[in-house]
Amino acid sequence: NVTIGFHAAIFGHYQDRDAVVIRRTILEDDVIIGVHAVIFGGVRIQRGAVVGAGAVVLPNTVIAPNEFWGGVPARKIRDLPPVVAGASPQVPPC
């Protein structure tokens, strides 16, 4: 139940100063990732959250349920209404 936009990049690692760090990236149910978004390793995106098109989510970020994030680097833009069980998630207007 996750929608990933065209050319989005979801990584399981990031480059630290002296090493490549491997971290699990978690996308929970009903998440939407916009086109050309970049999600680095260690990110957790909780149920019903939306990452806007072109956003860059930095390593080890936690996006809470039903939040809309966007920008470079990504930050919280606003809260979204909870996802209704059995309904398709909707992309909010910008």
PDB file of N, CA and C in Angstrom:
ATOM      1  N   ASN A   1       0.810  -1.200   0.000  1.00  0.00           N
ATOM      2  CA  ASN A   1       0.000   0.000   0.000  1.00  0.00           C
ATOM      3  C   ASN A   1       0.851   1.261   0.000  1.00  0.00           C
ATOM      4  N   VAL A   2       1.935   1.261  -0.754  1.00  0.00           N
ATOM      5  CA  VAL A   2       2.818   2.416  -0.863  1.00  0.00           C
ATOM      6  C   VAL A   2       2.868   2.831  -2.329  1.00  0.00           C
ATOM      7  N   THR A   3       2.801   4.134  -2.578  1.00  0.00           N
ATOM      8  CA  THR A   3       2.919   4.659  -3.929  1.00  0.00           C
ATOM      9  C   THR A   3       4.251   5.388  -4.045  1.00  0.00           C
ATOM     10  N   ILE A   4       5.066   4.974  -5.018  1.00  0.00           N
ATOM     11  CA  ILE A   4       6.381   5.590  -5.224  1.00  0.00           C
ATOM     12  C   ILE A   4       6.380   6.214  -6.610  1.00  0.00           C
ATOM     13  N   GLY A   5       6.632   7.533  -6.643  1.00  0.00           N
ATOM     14  CA  GLY A   5       6.601   8.271  -7.890  1.00  0.00           C
ATOM     15  C   GLY A   5       7.758   7.938  -8.818  1.00  0.00           C
ATOM     16  N   PHE A   6       7.585   8.297 -10.061  1.00  0.00           N
ATOM     17  CA  PHE A   6       8.551   8.073 -11.126  1.00  0.00           C
ATOM     18  C   PHE A   6       9.908   8.693 -10.771  1.00  0.00           C
ATOM     19  N   HIS A   7      10.956   7.933 -10.924  1.00  0.00           N
ATOM     20  CA  HIS A   7      12.343   8.364 -10.681  1.00  0.00           C
ATOM     21  C   HIS A   7      12.641   8.724  -9.230  1.00  0.00           C
ATOM     22  N   ALA A   8      11.824   8.299  -8.295  1.00  0.00           N
ATOM     23  CA  ALA A   8      12.150   8.496  -6.879  1.00  0.00           C
ATOM     24  C   ALA A   8      13.294   7.548  -6.529  1.00  0.00           C
ATOM     25  N   ALA A   9      14.159   7.969  -5.599  1.00  0.00           N
ATOM     26  CA  ALA A   9      15.293   7.138  -5.176  1.00  0.00           C
ATOM     27  C   ALA A   9      15.175   6.876  -3.682  1.00  0.00           C
ATOM     28  N   ILE A  10      15.165   5.607  -3.309  1.00  0.00           N
ATOM     29  CA  ILE A  10      15.066   5.216  -1.905  1.00  0.00           C
ATOM     30  C   ILE A  10      16.303   4.381  -1.592  1.00  0.00           C
ATOM     31  N   PHE A  11      17.122   4.887  -0.694  1.00  0.00           N
ATOM     32  CA  PHE A  11      18.406   4.266  -0.388  1.00  0.00           C
ATOM     33  C   PHE A  11      18.387   3.552   0.956  1.00  0.00           C
ATOM     34  N   GLY A  12      19.277   2.598   1.109  1.00  0.00           N
ATOM     35  CA  GLY A  12      19.487   1.899   2.373  1.00  0.00           C
ATOM     36  C   GLY A  12      20.842   2.253   2.952  1.00  0.00           C
ATOM     37  N   HIS A  13      21.390   3.395   2.523  1.00  0.00           N
ATOM     38  CA  HIS A  13      22.705   3.814   3.010  1.00  0.00           C
ATOM     39  C   HIS A  13      22.853   5.330   2.836  1.00  0.00           C
ATOM     40  N   TYR A  14      23.903   5.876   3.423  1.00  0.00           N
ATOM     41  CA  TYR A  14      24.289   7.263   3.164  1.00  0.00           C
ATOM     42  C   TYR A  14      25.788   7.380   3.386  1.00  0.00           C
ATOM     43  N   GLN A  15      26.376   8.409   2.826  1.00  0.00           N
ATOM     44  CA  GLN A  15      27.818   8.626   2.930  1.00  0.00           C
ATOM     45  C   GLN A  15      28.103   9.519   4.130  1.00  0.00           C
ATOM     46  N   ASP A  16      28.813   8.995   5.102  1.00  0.00           N
ATOM     47  CA  ASP A  16      29.292   9.778   6.242  1.00  0.00           C
ATOM     48  C   ASP A  16      30.662  10.326   5.866  1.00  0.00           C
ATOM     49  N   ARG A  17      31.273  11.075   6.731  1.00  0.00           N
ATOM     50  CA  ARG A  17      32.569  11.692   6.411  1.00  0.00           C
ATOM     51  C   ARG A  17      33.610  10.670   5.965  1.00  0.00           C
ATOM     52  N   ASP A  18      33.744   9.567   6.719  1.00  0.00           N
ATOM     53  CA  ASP A  18      34.792   8.592   6.437  1.00  0.00           C
ATOM     54  C   ASP A  18      34.287   7.195   6.090  1.00  0.00           C
ATOM     55  N   ALA A  19      32.986   7.040   5.898  1.00  0.00           N
ATOM     56  CA  ALA A  19      32.467   5.692   5.656  1.00  0.00           C
ATOM     57  C   ALA A  19      31.096   5.750   4.994  1.00  0.00           C
ATOM     58  N   VAL A  20      30.741   4.645   4.376  1.00  0.00           N
ATOM     59  CA  VAL A  20      29.382   4.462   3.898  1.00  0.00           C
ATOM     60  C   VAL A  20      28.624   3.776   5.023  1.00  0.00           C
ATOM     61  N   VAL A  21      27.514   4.374   5.451  1.00  0.00           N
ATOM     62  CA  VAL A  21      26.731   3.849   6.573  1.00  0.00           C
ATOM     63  C   VAL A  21      25.497   3.146   6.024  1.00  0.00           C
ATOM     64  N   ILE A  22      25.321   1.884   6.395  1.00  0.00           N
ATOM     65  CA  ILE A  22      24.161   1.100   5.972  1.00  0.00           C
ATOM     66  C   ILE A  22      23.091   1.223   7.048  1.00  0.00           C
ATOM     67  N   ARG A  23      21.898   1.698   6.668  1.00  0.00           N
ATOM     68  CA  ARG A  23      20.774   1.836   7.605  1.00  0.00           C
ATOM     69  C   ARG A  23      19.485   1.411   6.903  1.00  0.00           C
ATOM     70  N   ARG A  24      18.645   0.714   7.640  1.00  0.00           N
ATOM     71  CA  ARG A  24      17.352   0.275   7.115  1.00  0.00           C
ATOM     72  C   ARG A  24      16.452   1.493   6.894  1.00  0.00           C
ATOM     73  N   THR A  25      15.785   1.526   5.745  1.00  0.00           N
ATOM     74  CA  THR A  25      14.806   2.557   5.426  1.00  0.00           C
ATOM     75  C   THR A  25      13.427   1.909   5.476  1.00  0.00           C
ATOM     76  N   ILE A  26      12.506   2.504   6.236  1.00  0.00           N
ATOM     77  CA  ILE A  26      11.194   1.887   6.461  1.00  0.00           C
ATOM     78  C   ILE A  26      10.093   2.792   5.927  1.00  0.00           C
ATOM     79  N   LEU A  27       9.249   2.221   5.075  1.00  0.00           N
ATOM     80  CA  LEU A  27       8.054   2.899   4.579  1.00  0.00           C
ATOM     81  C   LEU A  27       6.857   2.095   5.072  1.00  0.00           C
ATOM     82  N   GLU A  28       6.026   2.698   5.901  1.00  0.00           N
ATOM     83  CA  GLU A  28       4.853   2.004   6.419  1.00  0.00           C
ATOM     84  C   GLU A  28       3.707   2.084   5.404  1.00  0.00           C
ATOM     85  N   ASP A  29       2.569   1.482   5.734  1.00  0.00           N
ATOM     86  CA  ASP A  29       1.416   1.456   4.834  1.00  0.00           C
ATOM     87  C   ASP A  29       0.900   2.852   4.516  1.00  0.00           C
ATOM     88  N   ASP A  30       0.295   2.972   3.338  1.00  0.00           N
ATOM     89  CA  ASP A  30      -0.402   4.175   2.883  1.00  0.00           C
ATOM     90  C   ASP A  30       0.506   5.392   2.749  1.00  0.00           C
ATOM     91  N   VAL A  31       1.792   5.180   2.487  1.00  0.00           N
ATOM     92  CA  VAL A  31       2.748   6.259   2.266  1.00  0.00           C
ATOM     93  C   VAL A  31       2.778   6.603   0.779  1.00  0.00           C
ATOM     94  N   ILE A  32       2.952   7.888   0.471  1.00  0.00           N
ATOM     95  CA  ILE A  32       3.105   8.335  -0.910  1.00  0.00           C
ATOM     96  C   ILE A  32       4.445   9.059  -1.016  1.00  0.00           C
ATOM     97  N   ILE A  33       5.260   8.645  -1.986  1.00  0.00           N
ATOM     98  CA  ILE A  33       6.538   9.296  -2.284  1.00  0.00           C
ATOM     99  C   ILE A  33       6.394   9.944  -3.652  1.00  0.00           C
ATOM    100  N   GLY A  34       6.612  11.254  -3.730  1.00  0.00           N
ATOM    101  CA  GLY A  34       6.450  11.996  -4.971  1.00  0.00           C
ATOM    102  C   GLY A  34       7.559  11.727  -5.979  1.00  0.00           C
ATOM    103  N   VAL A  35       7.333  12.154  -7.230  1.00  0.00           N
ATOM    104  CA  VAL A  35       8.316  11.964  -8.291  1.00  0.00           C
ATOM    105  C   VAL A  35       9.619  12.683  -7.952  1.00  0.00           C
ATOM    106  N   HIS A  36      10.720  12.066  -8.303  1.00  0.00           N
ATOM    107  CA  HIS A  36      12.076  12.611  -8.114  1.00  0.00           C
ATOM    108  C   HIS A  36      12.438  12.880  -6.654  1.00  0.00           C
ATOM    109  N   ALA A  37      11.698  12.330  -5.712  1.00  0.00           N
ATOM    110  CA  ALA A  37      12.072  12.476  -4.296  1.00  0.00           C
ATOM    111  C   ALA A  37      13.272  11.581  -4.006  1.00  0.00           C
ATOM    112  N   VAL A  38      14.082  11.974  -3.027  1.00  0.00           N
ATOM    113  CA  VAL A  38      15.241  11.190  -2.612  1.00  0.00           C
ATOM    114  C   VAL A  38      15.091  10.903  -1.123  1.00  0.00           C
ATOM    115  N   ILE A  39      15.127   9.623  -0.764  1.00  0.00           N
ATOM    116  CA  ILE A  39      14.999   9.180   0.620  1.00  0.00           C
ATOM    117  C   ILE A  39      16.300   8.481   0.983  1.00  0.00           C
ATOM    118  N   PHE A  40      17.062   9.043   1.926  1.00  0.00           N
ATOM    119  CA  PHE A  40      18.339   8.446   2.325  1.00  0.00           C
ATOM    120  C   PHE A  40      18.147   7.353   3.368  1.00  0.00           C
ATOM    121  N   GLY A  41      19.203   6.587   3.619  1.00  0.00           N
ATOM    122  CA  GLY A  41      19.169   5.473   4.561  1.00  0.00           C
ATOM    123  C   GLY A  41      18.839   5.913   5.976  1.00  0.00           C
ATOM    124  N   GLY A  42      18.154   5.039   6.701  1.00  0.00           N
ATOM    125  CA  GLY A  42      17.825   5.299   8.094  1.00  0.00           C
ATOM    126  C   GLY A  42      16.538   6.075   8.288  1.00  0.00           C
ATOM    127  N   VAL A  43      15.857   6.402   7.200  1.00  0.00           N
ATOM    128  CA  VAL A  43      14.605   7.164   7.293  1.00  0.00           C
ATOM    129  C   VAL A  43      13.458   6.213   7.629  1.00  0.00           C
ATOM    130  N   ARG A  44      12.531   6.699   8.445  1.00  0.00           N
ATOM    131  CA  ARG A  44      11.296   5.965   8.744  1.00  0.00           C
ATOM    132  C   ARG A  44      10.133   6.885   8.397  1.00  0.00           C
ATOM    133  N   ILE A  45       9.288   6.438   7.478  1.00  0.00           N
ATOM    134  CA  ILE A  45       8.119   7.210   7.078  1.00  0.00           C
ATOM    135  C   ILE A  45       6.900   6.435   7.550  1.00  0.00           C
ATOM    136  N   GLN A  46       6.177   7.019   8.489  1.00  0.00           N
ATOM    137  CA  GLN A  46       5.085   6.309   9.136  1.00  0.00           C
ATOM    138  C   GLN A  46       3.783   6.432   8.354  1.00  0.00           C
ATOM    139  N   ARG A  47       2.812   5.624   8.748  1.00  0.00           N
ATOM    140  CA  ARG A  47       1.557   5.416   8.017  1.00  0.00           C
ATOM    141  C   ARG A  47       0.878   6.730   7.611  1.00  0.00           C
ATOM    142  N   GLY A  48       0.506   6.783   6.328  1.00  0.00           N
ATOM    143  CA  GLY A  48      -0.287   7.887   5.820  1.00  0.00           C
ATOM    144  C   GLY A  48       0.495   9.150   5.499  1.00  0.00           C
ATOM    145  N   ALA A  49       1.815   9.120   5.640  1.00  0.00           N
ATOM    146  CA  ALA A  49       2.624  10.308   5.356  1.00  0.00           C
ATOM    147  C   ALA A  49       2.843  10.463   3.855  1.00  0.00           C
ATOM    148  N   VAL A  50       3.123  11.709   3.443  1.00  0.00           N
ATOM    149  CA  VAL A  50       3.376  12.028   2.042  1.00  0.00           C
ATOM    150  C   VAL A  50       4.680  12.812   1.957  1.00  0.00           C
ATOM    151  N   VAL A  51       5.554  12.399   1.041  1.00  0.00           N
ATOM    152  CA  VAL A  51       6.778  13.139   0.735  1.00  0.00           C
ATOM    153  C   VAL A  51       6.576  13.737  -0.645  1.00  0.00           C
ATOM    154  N   GLY A  52       6.664  15.059  -0.743  1.00  0.00           N
ATOM    155  CA  GLY A  52       6.384  15.771  -1.980  1.00  0.00           C
ATOM    156  C   GLY A  52       7.409  15.528  -3.070  1.00  0.00           C
ATOM    157  N   ALA A  53       7.036  15.889  -4.282  1.00  0.00           N
ATOM    158  CA  ALA A  53       7.902  15.729  -5.449  1.00  0.00           C
ATOM    159  C   ALA A  53       9.183  16.526  -5.270  1.00  0.00           C
ATOM    160  N   GLY A  54      10.320  15.888  -5.583  1.00  0.00           N
ATOM    161  CA  GLY A  54      11.618  16.551  -5.525  1.00  0.00           C
ATOM    162  C   GLY A  54      12.190  16.748  -4.142  1.00  0.00           C
ATOM    163  N   ALA A  55      11.514  16.280  -3.116  1.00  0.00           N
ATOM    164  CA  ALA A  55      12.000  16.446  -1.743  1.00  0.00           C
ATOM    165  C   ALA A  55      13.230  15.575  -1.497  1.00  0.00           C
ATOM    166  N   VAL A  56      14.097  16.015  -0.588  1.00  0.00           N
ATOM    167  CA  VAL A  56      15.273  15.238  -0.184  1.00  0.00           C
ATOM    168  C   VAL A  56      15.173  15.021   1.320  1.00  0.00           C
ATOM    169  N   VAL A  57      14.876  13.782   1.716  1.00  0.00           N
ATOM    170  CA  VAL A  57      14.732  13.435   3.133  1.00  0.00           C
ATOM    171  C   VAL A  57      16.092  12.970   3.638  1.00  0.00           C
ATOM    172  N   LEU A  58      16.650  13.702   4.595  1.00  0.00           N
ATOM    173  CA  LEU A  58      17.994  13.436   5.096  1.00  0.00           C
ATOM    174  C   LEU A  58      18.068  12.160   5.928  1.00  0.00           C
ATOM    175  N   PRO A  59      19.260  11.580   6.070  1.00  0.00           N
ATOM    176  CA  PRO A  59      19.428  10.335   6.824  1.00  0.00           C
ATOM    177  C   PRO A  59      18.866  10.420   8.235  1.00  0.00           C
ATOM    178  N   ASN A  60      18.312   9.298   8.688  1.00  0.00           N
ATOM    179  CA  ASN A  60      17.823   9.113  10.050  1.00  0.00           C
ATOM    180  C   ASN A  60      16.655  10.010  10.434  1.00  0.00           C
ATOM    181  N   THR A  61      15.934  10.539   9.458  1.00  0.00           N
ATOM    182  CA  THR A  61      14.746  11.350   9.711  1.00  0.00           C
ATOM    183  C   THR A  61      13.566  10.435  10.005  1.00  0.00           C
ATOM    184  N   VAL A  62      12.698  10.850  10.932  1.00  0.00           N
ATOM    185  CA  VAL A  62      11.451  10.132  11.196  1.00  0.00           C
ATOM    186  C   VAL A  62      10.305  11.060  10.820  1.00  0.00           C
ATOM    187  N   ILE A  63       9.475  10.609   9.889  1.00  0.00           N
ATOM    188  CA  ILE A  63       8.298  11.360   9.481  1.00  0.00           C
ATOM    189  C   ILE A  63       7.098  10.702  10.147  1.00  0.00           C
ATOM    190  N   ALA A  64       6.409  11.462  10.976  1.00  0.00           N
ATOM    191  CA  ALA A  64       5.295  10.938  11.774  1.00  0.00           C
ATOM    192  C   ALA A  64       4.086  10.621  10.893  1.00  0.00           C
ATOM    193  N   PRO A  65       3.122   9.866  11.428  1.00  0.00           N
ATOM    194  CA  PRO A  65       1.927   9.520  10.655  1.00  0.00           C
ATOM    195  C   PRO A  65       1.187  10.765  10.169  1.00  0.00           C
ATOM    196  N   ASN A  66       0.698  10.682   8.939  1.00  0.00           N
ATOM    197  CA  ASN A  66      -0.170  11.716   8.361  1.00  0.00           C
ATOM    198  C   ASN A  66       0.469  13.097   8.310  1.00  0.00           C
ATOM    199  N   GLU A  67       1.764  13.149   8.001  1.00  0.00           N
ATOM    200  CA  GLU A  67       2.437  14.427   7.800  1.00  0.00           C
ATOM    201  C   GLU A  67       2.799  14.572   6.332  1.00  0.00           C
ATOM    202  N   PHE A  68       2.807  15.816   5.850  1.00  0.00           N
ATOM    203  CA  PHE A  68       3.253  16.128   4.492  1.00  0.00           C
ATOM    204  C   PHE A  68       4.591  16.837   4.601  1.00  0.00           C
ATOM    205  N   TRP A  69       5.620  16.270   3.957  1.00  0.00           N
ATOM    206  CA  TRP A  69       6.972  16.834   3.967  1.00  0.00           C
ATOM    207  C   TRP A  69       7.379  17.192   2.562  1.00  0.00           C
ATOM    208  N   GLY A  70       8.145  18.277   2.421  1.00  0.00           N
ATOM    209  CA  GLY A  70       8.645  18.669   1.117  1.00  0.00           C
ATOM    210  C   GLY A  70       9.838  19.584   1.254  1.00  0.00           C
ATOM    211  N   GLY A  71      10.522  19.821   0.155  1.00  0.00           N
ATOM    212  CA  GLY A  71      11.641  20.750   0.117  1.00  0.00           C
ATOM    213  C   GLY A  71      12.993  20.065   0.122  1.00  0.00           C
ATOM    214  N   VAL A  72      14.038  20.911   0.033  1.00  0.00           N
ATOM    215  CA  VAL A  72      15.418  20.433   0.033  1.00  0.00           C
ATOM    216  C   VAL A  72      16.194  21.264   1.035  1.00  0.00           C
ATOM    217  N   PRO A  73      16.576  20.711   2.172  1.00  0.00           N
ATOM    218  CA  PRO A  73      16.184  19.382   2.661  1.00  0.00           C
ATOM    219  C   PRO A  73      14.716  19.379   3.074  1.00  0.00           C
ATOM    220  N   ALA A  74      14.127  18.190   3.109  1.00  0.00           N
ATOM    221  CA  ALA A  74      12.702  18.068   3.433  1.00  0.00           C
ATOM    222  C   ALA A  74      12.431  18.506   4.862  1.00  0.00           C
ATOM    223  N   ARG A  75      11.286  19.133   5.026  1.00  0.00           N
ATOM    224  CA  ARG A  75      10.810  19.534   6.354  1.00  0.00           C
ATOM    225  C   ARG A  75       9.298  19.357   6.367  1.00  0.00           C
ATOM    226  N   LYS A  76       8.732  19.351   7.574  1.00  0.00           N
ATOM    227  CA  LYS A  76       7.283  19.194   7.690  1.00  0.00           C
ATOM    228  C   LYS A  76       6.597  20.451   7.165  1.00  0.00           C
ATOM    229  N   ILE A  77       5.622  20.251   6.284  1.00  0.00           N
ATOM    230  CA  ILE A  77       4.839  21.350   5.733  1.00  0.00           C
ATOM    231  C   ILE A  77       3.527  21.495   6.508  1.00  0.00           C
ATOM    232  N   ARG A  78       2.852  20.359   6.718  1.00  0.00           N
ATOM    233  CA  ARG A  78       1.579  20.398   7.460  1.00  0.00           C
ATOM    234  C   ARG A  78       1.139  18.992   7.844  1.00  0.00           C
ATOM    235  N   ASP A  79       0.114  18.925   8.681  1.00  0.00           N
ATOM    236  CA  ASP A  79      -0.514  17.658   9.038  1.00  0.00           C
ATOM    237  C   ASP A  79      -1.600  17.342   8.023  1.00  0.00           C
ATOM    238  N   LEU A  80      -1.829  16.054   7.806  1.00  0.00           N
ATOM    239  CA  LEU A  80      -2.865  15.581   6.896  1.00  0.00           C
ATOM    240  C   LEU A  80      -3.940  14.858   7.688  1.00  0.00           C
ATOM    241  N   PRO A  81      -5.167  14.778   7.148  1.00  0.00           N
ATOM    242  CA  PRO A  81      -6.189  13.978   7.833  1.00  0.00           C
ATOM    243  C   PRO A  81      -5.793  12.504   7.806  1.00  0.00           C
ATOM    244  N   PRO A  82      -6.201  11.739   8.819  1.00  0.00           N
ATOM    245  CA  PRO A  82      -5.866  10.312   8.840  1.00  0.00           C
ATOM    246  C   PRO A  82      -6.419   9.580   7.621  1.00  0.00           C
ATOM    247  N   VAL A  83      -5.715   8.532   7.217  1.00  0.00           N
ATOM    248  CA  VAL A  83      -6.150   7.700   6.102  1.00  0.00           C
ATOM    249  C   VAL A  83      -7.337   6.865   6.562  1.00  0.00           C
ATOM    250  N   VAL A  84      -8.389   6.837   5.731  1.00  0.00           N
ATOM    251  CA  VAL A  84      -9.578   6.046   6.040  1.00  0.00           C
ATOM    252  C   VAL A  84      -9.318   4.615   5.600  1.00  0.00           C
ATOM    253  N   ALA A  85      -9.592   3.637   6.470  1.00  0.00           N
ATOM    254  CA  ALA A  85      -9.356   2.231   6.150  1.00  0.00           C
ATOM    255  C   ALA A  85     -10.105   1.842   4.890  1.00  0.00           C
ATOM    256  N   GLY A  86      -9.385   1.223   3.948  1.00  0.00           N
ATOM    257  CA  GLY A  86      -9.980   0.742   2.723  1.00  0.00           C
ATOM    258  C   GLY A  86     -10.032   1.772   1.611  1.00  0.00           C
ATOM    259  N   ALA A  87      -9.702   3.029   1.913  1.00  0.00           N
ATOM    260  CA  ALA A  87      -9.716   4.074   0.890  1.00  0.00           C
ATOM    261  C   ALA A  87      -8.327   4.280   0.330  1.00  0.00           C
ATOM    262  N   SER A  88      -8.232   4.700  -0.920  1.00  0.00           N
ATOM    263  CA  SER A  88      -6.942   5.005  -1.518  1.00  0.00           C
ATOM    264  C   SER A  88      -6.431   6.326  -0.959  1.00  0.00           C
ATOM    265  N   PRO A  89      -5.111   6.413  -0.629  1.00  0.00           N
ATOM    266  CA  PRO A  89      -4.577   7.685  -0.153  1.00  0.00           C
ATOM    267  C   PRO A  89      -4.629   8.726  -1.264  1.00  0.00           C
ATOM    268  N   GLN A  90      -4.840   9.961  -0.891  1.00  0.00           N
ATOM    269  CA  GLN A  90      -4.945  11.062  -1.850  1.00  0.00           C
ATOM    270  C   GLN A  90      -3.741  11.993  -1.683  1.00  0.00           C
ATOM    271  N   VAL A  91      -3.192  12.461  -2.788  1.00  0.00           N
ATOM    272  CA  VAL A  91      -2.107  13.429  -2.733  1.00  0.00           C
ATOM    273  C   VAL A  91      -2.745  14.788  -2.443  1.00  0.00           C
ATOM    274  N   PRO A  92      -2.285  15.467  -1.364  1.00  0.00           N
ATOM    275  CA  PRO A  92      -2.881  16.748  -1.021  1.00  0.00           C
ATOM    276  C   PRO A  92      -2.429  17.836  -1.999  1.00  0.00           C
ATOM    277  N   PRO A  93      -3.265  18.868  -2.208  1.00  0.00           N
ATOM    278  CA  PRO A  93      -2.828  19.971  -3.058  1.00  0.00           C
ATOM    279  C   PRO A  93      -1.705  20.748  -2.381  1.00  0.00           C
ATOM    280  N   CYS A  94      -0.830  21.301  -3.178  1.00  0.00           N
ATOM    281  CA  CYS A  94       0.296  22.061  -2.613  1.00  0.00           C
ATOM    282  C   CYS A  94      -0.068  23.461  -2.233  1.00  0.00           C
TER     283      CYS A  94
END
